[in-house]
Amino acid sequence: SSIMTGTVTTVANGAFTLTGKYTC
């Protein structure tokens, strides 16, 4: 089950942030 509450994609340097985008 995805526990994401929003969409996240990597940026130009491959970085990503999941801040506030998931719930356990």
mmCIF file of all heavy atoms, coordinates in Angstrom:
data_MODEL
# 
_entry.id   MODEL 
# 
loop_
_atom_site.group_PDB 
_atom_site.id 
_atom_site.type_symbol 
_atom_site.label_atom_id 
_atom_site.label_alt_id 
_atom_site.label_comp_id 
_atom_site.label_asym_id 
_atom_site.label_entity_id 
_atom_site.label_seq_id 
_atom_site.pdbx_PDB_ins_code 
_atom_site.Cartn_x 
_atom_site.Cartn_y 
_atom_site.Cartn_z 
_atom_site.occupancy 
_atom_site.B_iso_or_equiv 
_atom_site.pdbx_formal_charge 
_atom_site.auth_seq_id 
_atom_site.auth_comp_id 
_atom_site.auth_asym_id 
_atom_site.auth_atom_id 
_atom_site.pdbx_PDB_model_num 
ATOM 1   N N   . SER A 1 1  ? 0.839  -1.202 0.000   1.00 0.00 ? 1  SER A N   1 
ATOM 2   C CA  . SER A 1 1  ? 0.000  0.000  0.000   1.00 0.00 ? 1  SER A CA  1 
ATOM 3   C C   . SER A 1 1  ? 0.868  1.243  0.000   1.00 0.00 ? 1  SER A C   1 
ATOM 4   O O   . SER A 1 1  ? 1.746  1.392  0.860   1.00 0.00 ? 1  SER A O   1 
ATOM 5   C CB  . SER A 1 1  ? -0.886 0.028  1.250   1.00 0.00 ? 1  SER A CB  1 
ATOM 6   O OG  . SER A 1 1  ? -1.716 -1.089 1.296   1.00 0.00 ? 1  SER A OG  1 
ATOM 7   N N   . SER A 1 2  ? 0.607  2.132  -0.948  1.00 0.00 ? 2  SER A N   1 
ATOM 8   C CA  . SER A 1 2  ? 1.290  3.419  -0.924  1.00 0.00 ? 2  SER A CA  1 
ATOM 9   C C   . SER A 1 2  ? 0.817  4.169  0.314   1.00 0.00 ? 2  SER A C   1 
ATOM 10  O O   . SER A 1 2  ? -0.372 4.200  0.613   1.00 0.00 ? 2  SER A O   1 
ATOM 11  C CB  . SER A 1 2  ? 0.957  4.223  -2.176  1.00 0.00 ? 2  SER A CB  1 
ATOM 12  O OG  . SER A 1 2  ? 1.414  5.565  -2.017  1.00 0.00 ? 2  SER A OG  1 
ATOM 13  N N   . ILE A 1 3  ? 1.747  4.771  1.041   1.00 0.00 ? 3  ILE A N   1 
ATOM 14  C CA  . ILE A 1 3  ? 1.369  5.578  2.206   1.00 0.00 ? 3  ILE A CA  1 
ATOM 15  C C   . ILE A 1 3  ? 1.599  7.062  1.917   1.00 0.00 ? 3  ILE A C   1 
ATOM 16  O O   . ILE A 1 3  ? 1.642  7.881  2.816   1.00 0.00 ? 3  ILE A O   1 
ATOM 17  C CB  . ILE A 1 3  ? 2.097  5.116  3.489   1.00 0.00 ? 3  ILE A CB  1 
ATOM 18  C CG1 . ILE A 1 3  ? 3.612  5.215  3.357   1.00 0.00 ? 3  ILE A CG1 1 
ATOM 19  C CG2 . ILE A 1 3  ? 1.677  3.700  3.846   1.00 0.00 ? 3  ILE A CG2 1 
ATOM 20  C CD1 . ILE A 1 3  ? 4.356  4.950  4.660   1.00 0.00 ? 3  ILE A CD1 1 
ATOM 21  N N   . MET A 1 4  ? 1.685  7.368  0.625   1.00 0.00 ? 4  MET A N   1 
ATOM 22  C CA  . MET A 1 4  ? 1.900  8.747  0.192   1.00 0.00 ? 4  MET A CA  1 
ATOM 23  C C   . MET A 1 4  ? 0.601  9.546  0.258   1.00 0.00 ? 4  MET A C   1 
ATOM 24  O O   . MET A 1 4  ? -0.468 9.021  -0.058  1.00 0.00 ? 4  MET A O   1 
ATOM 25  C CB  . MET A 1 4  ? 2.450  8.779  -1.234  1.00 0.00 ? 4  MET A CB  1 
ATOM 26  C CG  . MET A 1 4  ? 3.763  8.034  -1.415  1.00 0.00 ? 4  MET A CG  1 
ATOM 27  S SD  . MET A 1 4  ? 5.147  8.775  -0.549  1.00 0.00 ? 4  MET A SD  1 
ATOM 28  C CE  . MET A 1 4  ? 5.326  10.296 -1.458  1.00 0.00 ? 4  MET A CE  1 
ATOM 29  N N   . THR A 1 5  ? 0.727  10.798 0.651   1.00 0.00 ? 5  THR A N   1 
ATOM 30  C CA  . THR A 1 5  ? -0.413 11.715 0.662   1.00 0.00 ? 5  THR A CA  1 
ATOM 31  C C   . THR A 1 5  ? -0.257 12.779 -0.415  1.00 0.00 ? 5  THR A C   1 
ATOM 32  O O   . THR A 1 5  ? -1.081 13.671 -0.512  1.00 0.00 ? 5  THR A O   1 
ATOM 33  C CB  . THR A 1 5  ? -0.557 12.382 2.042   1.00 0.00 ? 5  THR A CB  1 
ATOM 34  O OG1 . THR A 1 5  ? 0.652  13.092 2.336   1.00 0.00 ? 5  THR A OG1 1 
ATOM 35  C CG2 . THR A 1 5  ? -0.835 11.351 3.125   1.00 0.00 ? 5  THR A CG2 1 
ATOM 36  N N   . GLY A 1 6  ? 0.793  12.672 -1.201  1.00 0.00 ? 6  GLY A N   1 
ATOM 37  C CA  . GLY A 1 6  ? 1.043  13.605 -2.289  1.00 0.00 ? 6  GLY A CA  1 
ATOM 38  C C   . GLY A 1 6  ? 2.021  12.992 -3.273  1.00 0.00 ? 6  GLY A C   1 
ATOM 39  O O   . GLY A 1 6  ? 2.584  11.930 -3.031  1.00 0.00 ? 6  GLY A O   1 
ATOM 40  N N   . THR A 1 7  ? 2.239  13.666 -4.383  1.00 0.00 ? 7  THR A N   1 
ATOM 41  C CA  . THR A 1 7  ? 3.130  13.187 -5.433  1.00 0.00 ? 7  THR A CA  1 
ATOM 42  C C   . THR A 1 7  ? 4.527  13.752 -5.221  1.00 0.00 ? 7  THR A C   1 
ATOM 43  O O   . THR A 1 7  ? 4.685  14.933 -4.906  1.00 0.00 ? 7  THR A O   1 
ATOM 44  C CB  . THR A 1 7  ? 2.613  13.631 -6.813  1.00 0.00 ? 7  THR A CB  1 
ATOM 45  O OG1 . THR A 1 7  ? 1.283  13.120 -6.967  1.00 0.00 ? 7  THR A OG1 1 
ATOM 46  C CG2 . THR A 1 7  ? 3.485  13.124 -7.931  1.00 0.00 ? 7  THR A CG2 1 
ATOM 47  N N   . VAL A 1 8  ? 5.541  12.906 -5.404  1.00 0.00 ? 8  VAL A N   1 
ATOM 48  C CA  . VAL A 1 8  ? 6.931  13.343 -5.282  1.00 0.00 ? 8  VAL A CA  1 
ATOM 49  C C   . VAL A 1 8  ? 7.697  12.838 -6.492  1.00 0.00 ? 8  VAL A C   1 
ATOM 50  O O   . VAL A 1 8  ? 7.559  11.677 -6.892  1.00 0.00 ? 8  VAL A O   1 
ATOM 51  C CB  . VAL A 1 8  ? 7.577  12.787 -3.987  1.00 0.00 ? 8  VAL A CB  1 
ATOM 52  C CG1 . VAL A 1 8  ? 9.055  13.126 -3.921  1.00 0.00 ? 8  VAL A CG1 1 
ATOM 53  C CG2 . VAL A 1 8  ? 6.853  13.310 -2.758  1.00 0.00 ? 8  VAL A CG2 1 
ATOM 54  N N   . THR A 1 9  ? 8.520  13.711 -7.085  1.00 0.00 ? 9  THR A N   1 
ATOM 55  C CA  . THR A 1 9  ? 9.410  13.321 -8.166  1.00 0.00 ? 9  THR A CA  1 
ATOM 56  C C   . THR A 1 9  ? 10.812 13.838 -7.853  1.00 0.00 ? 9  THR A C   1 
ATOM 57  O O   . THR A 1 9  ? 10.974 14.807 -7.116  1.00 0.00 ? 9  THR A O   1 
ATOM 58  C CB  . THR A 1 9  ? 8.955  13.871 -9.535  1.00 0.00 ? 9  THR A CB  1 
ATOM 59  O OG1 . THR A 1 9  ? 8.843  15.293 -9.446  1.00 0.00 ? 9  THR A OG1 1 
ATOM 60  C CG2 . THR A 1 9  ? 7.629  13.291 -9.958  1.00 0.00 ? 9  THR A CG2 1 
ATOM 61  N N   . THR A 1 10 ? 11.801 13.189 -8.436  1.00 0.00 ? 10 THR A N   1 
ATOM 62  C CA  . THR A 1 10 ? 13.178 13.629 -8.231  1.00 0.00 ? 10 THR A CA  1 
ATOM 63  C C   . THR A 1 10 ? 13.452 14.867 -9.075  1.00 0.00 ? 10 THR A C   1 
ATOM 64  O O   . THR A 1 10 ? 12.877 15.046 -10.144 1.00 0.00 ? 10 THR A O   1 
ATOM 65  C CB  . THR A 1 10 ? 14.175 12.512 -8.602  1.00 0.00 ? 10 THR A CB  1 
ATOM 66  O OG1 . THR A 1 10 ? 13.965 12.139 -9.964  1.00 0.00 ? 10 THR A OG1 1 
ATOM 67  C CG2 . THR A 1 10 ? 14.015 11.300 -7.691  1.00 0.00 ? 10 THR A CG2 1 
ATOM 68  N N   . VAL A 1 11 ? 14.365 15.710 -8.586  1.00 0.00 ? 11 VAL A N   1 
ATOM 69  C CA  . VAL A 1 11 ? 14.733 16.936 -9.298  1.00 0.00 ? 11 VAL A CA  1 
ATOM 70  C C   . VAL A 1 11 ? 16.033 16.712 -10.062 1.00 0.00 ? 11 VAL A C   1 
ATOM 71  O O   . VAL A 1 11 ? 16.556 15.600 -10.107 1.00 0.00 ? 11 VAL A O   1 
ATOM 72  C CB  . VAL A 1 11 ? 14.838 18.134 -8.318  1.00 0.00 ? 11 VAL A CB  1 
ATOM 73  C CG1 . VAL A 1 11 ? 13.468 18.440 -7.712  1.00 0.00 ? 11 VAL A CG1 1 
ATOM 74  C CG2 . VAL A 1 11 ? 15.857 17.881 -7.231  1.00 0.00 ? 11 VAL A CG2 1 
ATOM 75  N N   . ALA A 1 12 ? 16.577 17.765 -10.658 1.00 0.00 ? 12 ALA A N   1 
ATOM 76  C CA  . ALA A 1 12 ? 17.719 17.665 -11.568 1.00 0.00 ? 12 ALA A CA  1 
ATOM 77  C C   . ALA A 1 12 ? 18.914 16.920 -10.997 1.00 0.00 ? 12 ALA A C   1 
ATOM 78  O O   . ALA A 1 12 ? 19.608 16.220 -11.732 1.00 0.00 ? 12 ALA A O   1 
ATOM 79  C CB  . ALA A 1 12 ? 18.144 19.051 -12.027 1.00 0.00 ? 12 ALA A CB  1 
ATOM 80  N N   . ASN A 1 13 ? 19.183 17.028 -9.705  1.00 0.00 ? 13 ASN A N   1 
ATOM 81  C CA  . ASN A 1 13 ? 20.337 16.331 -9.133  1.00 0.00 ? 13 ASN A CA  1 
ATOM 82  C C   . ASN A 1 13 ? 19.951 14.989 -8.515  1.00 0.00 ? 13 ASN A C   1 
ATOM 83  O O   . ASN A 1 13 ? 20.723 14.393 -7.774  1.00 0.00 ? 13 ASN A O   1 
ATOM 84  C CB  . ASN A 1 13 ? 21.043 17.213 -8.107  1.00 0.00 ? 13 ASN A CB  1 
ATOM 85  C CG  . ASN A 1 13 ? 20.173 17.536 -6.904  1.00 0.00 ? 13 ASN A CG  1 
ATOM 86  O OD1 . ASN A 1 13 ? 18.995 17.177 -6.862  1.00 0.00 ? 13 ASN A OD1 1 
ATOM 87  N ND2 . ASN A 1 13 ? 20.739 18.223 -5.938  1.00 0.00 ? 13 ASN A ND2 1 
ATOM 88  N N   . GLY A 1 14 ? 18.750 14.494 -8.814  1.00 0.00 ? 14 GLY A N   1 
ATOM 89  C CA  . GLY A 1 14 ? 18.283 13.212 -8.295  1.00 0.00 ? 14 GLY A CA  1 
ATOM 90  C C   . GLY A 1 14 ? 17.702 13.278 -6.898  1.00 0.00 ? 14 GLY A C   1 
ATOM 91  O O   . GLY A 1 14 ? 17.271 12.266 -6.355  1.00 0.00 ? 14 GLY A O   1 
ATOM 92  N N   . ALA A 1 15 ? 17.667 14.461 -6.314  1.00 0.00 ? 15 ALA A N   1 
ATOM 93  C CA  . ALA A 1 15 ? 17.193 14.625 -4.931  1.00 0.00 ? 15 ALA A CA  1 
ATOM 94  C C   . ALA A 1 15 ? 15.667 14.576 -4.850  1.00 0.00 ? 15 ALA A C   1 
ATOM 95  O O   . ALA A 1 15 ? 14.965 14.893 -5.812  1.00 0.00 ? 15 ALA A O   1 
ATOM 96  C CB  . ALA A 1 15 ? 17.697 15.940 -4.353  1.00 0.00 ? 15 ALA A CB  1 
ATOM 97  N N   . PHE A 1 16 ? 15.179 14.183 -3.676  1.00 0.00 ? 16 PHE A N   1 
ATOM 98  C CA  . PHE A 1 16 ? 13.748 14.207 -3.398  1.00 0.00 ? 16 PHE A CA  1 
ATOM 99  C C   . PHE A 1 16 ? 13.540 14.473 -1.915  1.00 0.00 ? 16 PHE A C   1 
ATOM 100 O O   . PHE A 1 16 ? 14.428 14.248 -1.094  1.00 0.00 ? 16 PHE A O   1 
ATOM 101 C CB  . PHE A 1 16 ? 13.070 12.896 -3.805  1.00 0.00 ? 16 PHE A CB  1 
ATOM 102 C CG  . PHE A 1 16 ? 13.603 11.673 -3.105  1.00 0.00 ? 16 PHE A CG  1 
ATOM 103 C CD1 . PHE A 1 16 ? 13.113 11.271 -1.866  1.00 0.00 ? 16 PHE A CD1 1 
ATOM 104 C CD2 . PHE A 1 16 ? 14.600 10.913 -3.695  1.00 0.00 ? 16 PHE A CD2 1 
ATOM 105 C CE1 . PHE A 1 16 ? 13.613 10.144 -1.229  1.00 0.00 ? 16 PHE A CE1 1 
ATOM 106 C CE2 . PHE A 1 16 ? 15.100 9.782  -3.076  1.00 0.00 ? 16 PHE A CE2 1 
ATOM 107 C CZ  . PHE A 1 16 ? 14.605 9.399  -1.832  1.00 0.00 ? 16 PHE A CZ  1 
ATOM 108 N N   . THR A 1 17 ? 12.366 14.978 -1.587  1.00 0.00 ? 17 THR A N   1 
ATOM 109 C CA  . THR A 1 17 ? 11.977 15.218 -0.199  1.00 0.00 ? 17 THR A CA  1 
ATOM 110 C C   . THR A 1 17 ? 10.556 14.707 -0.023  1.00 0.00 ? 17 THR A C   1 
ATOM 111 O O   . THR A 1 17 ? 9.680  15.024 -0.818  1.00 0.00 ? 17 THR A O   1 
ATOM 112 C CB  . THR A 1 17 ? 12.034 16.721 0.151   1.00 0.00 ? 17 THR A CB  1 
ATOM 113 O OG1 . THR A 1 17 ? 13.365 17.188 -0.070  1.00 0.00 ? 17 THR A OG1 1 
ATOM 114 C CG2 . THR A 1 17 ? 11.652 16.967 1.590   1.00 0.00 ? 17 THR A CG2 1 
ATOM 115 N N   . LEU A 1 18 ? 10.351 13.931 1.032   1.00 0.00 ? 18 LEU A N   1 
ATOM 116 C CA  . LEU A 1 18 ? 9.031  13.376 1.317   1.00 0.00 ? 18 LEU A CA  1 
ATOM 117 C C   . LEU A 1 18 ? 8.359  14.101 2.482   1.00 0.00 ? 18 LEU A C   1 
ATOM 118 O O   . LEU A 1 18 ? 7.371  13.611 3.017   1.00 0.00 ? 18 LEU A O   1 
ATOM 119 C CB  . LEU A 1 18 ? 9.135  11.878 1.616   1.00 0.00 ? 18 LEU A CB  1 
ATOM 120 C CG  . LEU A 1 18 ? 9.679  11.016 0.492   1.00 0.00 ? 18 LEU A CG  1 
ATOM 121 C CD1 . LEU A 1 18 ? 9.763  9.560  0.929   1.00 0.00 ? 18 LEU A CD1 1 
ATOM 122 C CD2 . LEU A 1 18 ? 8.840  11.138 -0.751  1.00 0.00 ? 18 LEU A CD2 1 
ATOM 123 N N   . THR A 1 19 ? 8.864  15.242 2.865   1.00 0.00 ? 19 THR A N   1 
ATOM 124 C CA  . THR A 1 19 ? 8.330  15.990 3.991   1.00 0.00 ? 19 THR A CA  1 
ATOM 125 C C   . THR A 1 19 ? 6.827  16.197 3.853   1.00 0.00 ? 19 THR A C   1 
ATOM 126 O O   . THR A 1 19 ? 6.360  16.756 2.871   1.00 0.00 ? 19 THR A O   1 
ATOM 127 C CB  . THR A 1 19 ? 9.017  17.370 4.105   1.00 0.00 ? 19 THR A CB  1 
ATOM 128 O OG1 . THR A 1 19 ? 10.418 17.170 4.166   1.00 0.00 ? 19 THR A OG1 1 
ATOM 129 C CG2 . THR A 1 19 ? 8.539  18.120 5.328   1.00 0.00 ? 19 THR A CG2 1 
ATOM 130 N N   . GLY A 1 20 ? 6.066  15.705 4.845   1.00 0.00 ? 20 GLY A N   1 
ATOM 131 C CA  . GLY A 1 20 ? 4.623  15.886 4.854   1.00 0.00 ? 20 GLY A CA  1 
ATOM 132 C C   . GLY A 1 20 ? 3.878  15.158 3.757   1.00 0.00 ? 20 GLY A C   1 
ATOM 133 O O   . GLY A 1 20 ? 2.709  15.441 3.508   1.00 0.00 ? 20 GLY A O   1 
ATOM 134 N N   . LYS A 1 21 ? 4.512  14.223 3.089   1.00 0.00 ? 21 LYS A N   1 
ATOM 135 C CA  . LYS A 1 21 ? 3.897  13.549 1.941   1.00 0.00 ? 21 LYS A CA  1 
ATOM 136 C C   . LYS A 1 21 ? 3.545  12.091 2.214   1.00 0.00 ? 21 LYS A C   1 
ATOM 137 O O   . LYS A 1 21 ? 3.229  11.350 1.303   1.00 0.00 ? 21 LYS A O   1 
ATOM 138 C CB  . LYS A 1 21 ? 4.836  13.610 0.728   1.00 0.00 ? 21 LYS A CB  1 
ATOM 139 C CG  . LYS A 1 21 ? 5.159  15.000 0.265   1.00 0.00 ? 21 LYS A CG  1 
ATOM 140 C CD  . LYS A 1 21 ? 4.031  15.575 -0.519  1.00 0.00 ? 21 LYS A CD  1 
ATOM 141 C CE  . LYS A 1 21 ? 4.467  16.907 -1.116  1.00 0.00 ? 21 LYS A CE  1 
ATOM 142 N NZ  . LYS A 1 21 ? 3.461  17.468 -1.960  1.00 0.00 ? 21 LYS A NZ  1 
ATOM 143 N N   . TYR A 1 22 ? 3.638  11.642 3.478   1.00 0.00 ? 22 TYR A N   1 
ATOM 144 C CA  . TYR A 1 22 ? 3.281  10.264 3.805   1.00 0.00 ? 22 TYR A CA  1 
ATOM 145 C C   . TYR A 1 22 ? 2.722  10.207 5.224   1.00 0.00 ? 22 TYR A C   1 
ATOM 146 O O   . TYR A 1 22 ? 2.938  11.110 6.029   1.00 0.00 ? 22 TYR A O   1 
ATOM 147 C CB  . TYR A 1 22 ? 4.493  9.327  3.690   1.00 0.00 ? 22 TYR A CB  1 
ATOM 148 C CG  . TYR A 1 22 ? 5.492  9.517  4.802   1.00 0.00 ? 22 TYR A CG  1 
ATOM 149 C CD1 . TYR A 1 22 ? 5.459  8.711  5.935   1.00 0.00 ? 22 TYR A CD1 1 
ATOM 150 C CD2 . TYR A 1 22 ? 6.447  10.515 4.743   1.00 0.00 ? 22 TYR A CD2 1 
ATOM 151 C CE1 . TYR A 1 22 ? 6.354  8.890  6.969   1.00 0.00 ? 22 TYR A CE1 1 
ATOM 152 C CE2 . TYR A 1 22 ? 7.344  10.709 5.766   1.00 0.00 ? 22 TYR A CE2 1 
ATOM 153 C CZ  . TYR A 1 22 ? 7.299  9.903  6.881   1.00 0.00 ? 22 TYR A CZ  1 
ATOM 154 O OH  . TYR A 1 22 ? 8.181  10.095 7.903   1.00 0.00 ? 22 TYR A OH  1 
ATOM 155 N N   . THR A 1 23 ? 2.005  9.135  5.503   1.00 0.00 ? 23 THR A N   1 
ATOM 156 C CA  . THR A 1 23 ? 1.482  8.874  6.841   1.00 0.00 ? 23 THR A CA  1 
ATOM 157 C C   . THR A 1 23 ? 1.679  7.398  7.147   1.00 0.00 ? 23 THR A C   1 
ATOM 158 O O   . THR A 1 23 ? 1.257  6.535  6.362   1.00 0.00 ? 23 THR A O   1 
ATOM 159 C CB  . THR A 1 23 ? -0.015 9.215  6.943   1.00 0.00 ? 23 THR A CB  1 
ATOM 160 O OG1 . THR A 1 23 ? -0.198 10.588 6.578   1.00 0.00 ? 23 THR A OG1 1 
ATOM 161 C CG2 . THR A 1 23 ? -0.540 8.999  8.340   1.00 0.00 ? 23 THR A CG2 1 
ATOM 162 N N   . CYS A 1 24 ? 2.309  7.099  8.275   1.00 0.00 ? 24 CYS A N   1 
ATOM 163 C CA  . CYS A 1 24 ? 2.536  5.702  8.672   1.00 0.00 ? 24 CYS A CA  1 
ATOM 164 C C   . CYS A 1 24 ? 1.227  5.058  9.098   1.00 0.00 ? 24 CYS A C   1 
ATOM 165 O O   . CYS A 1 24 ? 0.499  5.634  9.914   1.00 0.00 ? 24 CYS A O   1 
ATOM 166 C CB  . CYS A 1 24 ? 3.511  5.636  9.839   1.00 0.00 ? 24 CYS A CB  1 
ATOM 167 S SG  . CYS A 1 24 ? 5.185  6.140  9.421   1.00 0.00 ? 24 CYS A SG  1 
# 
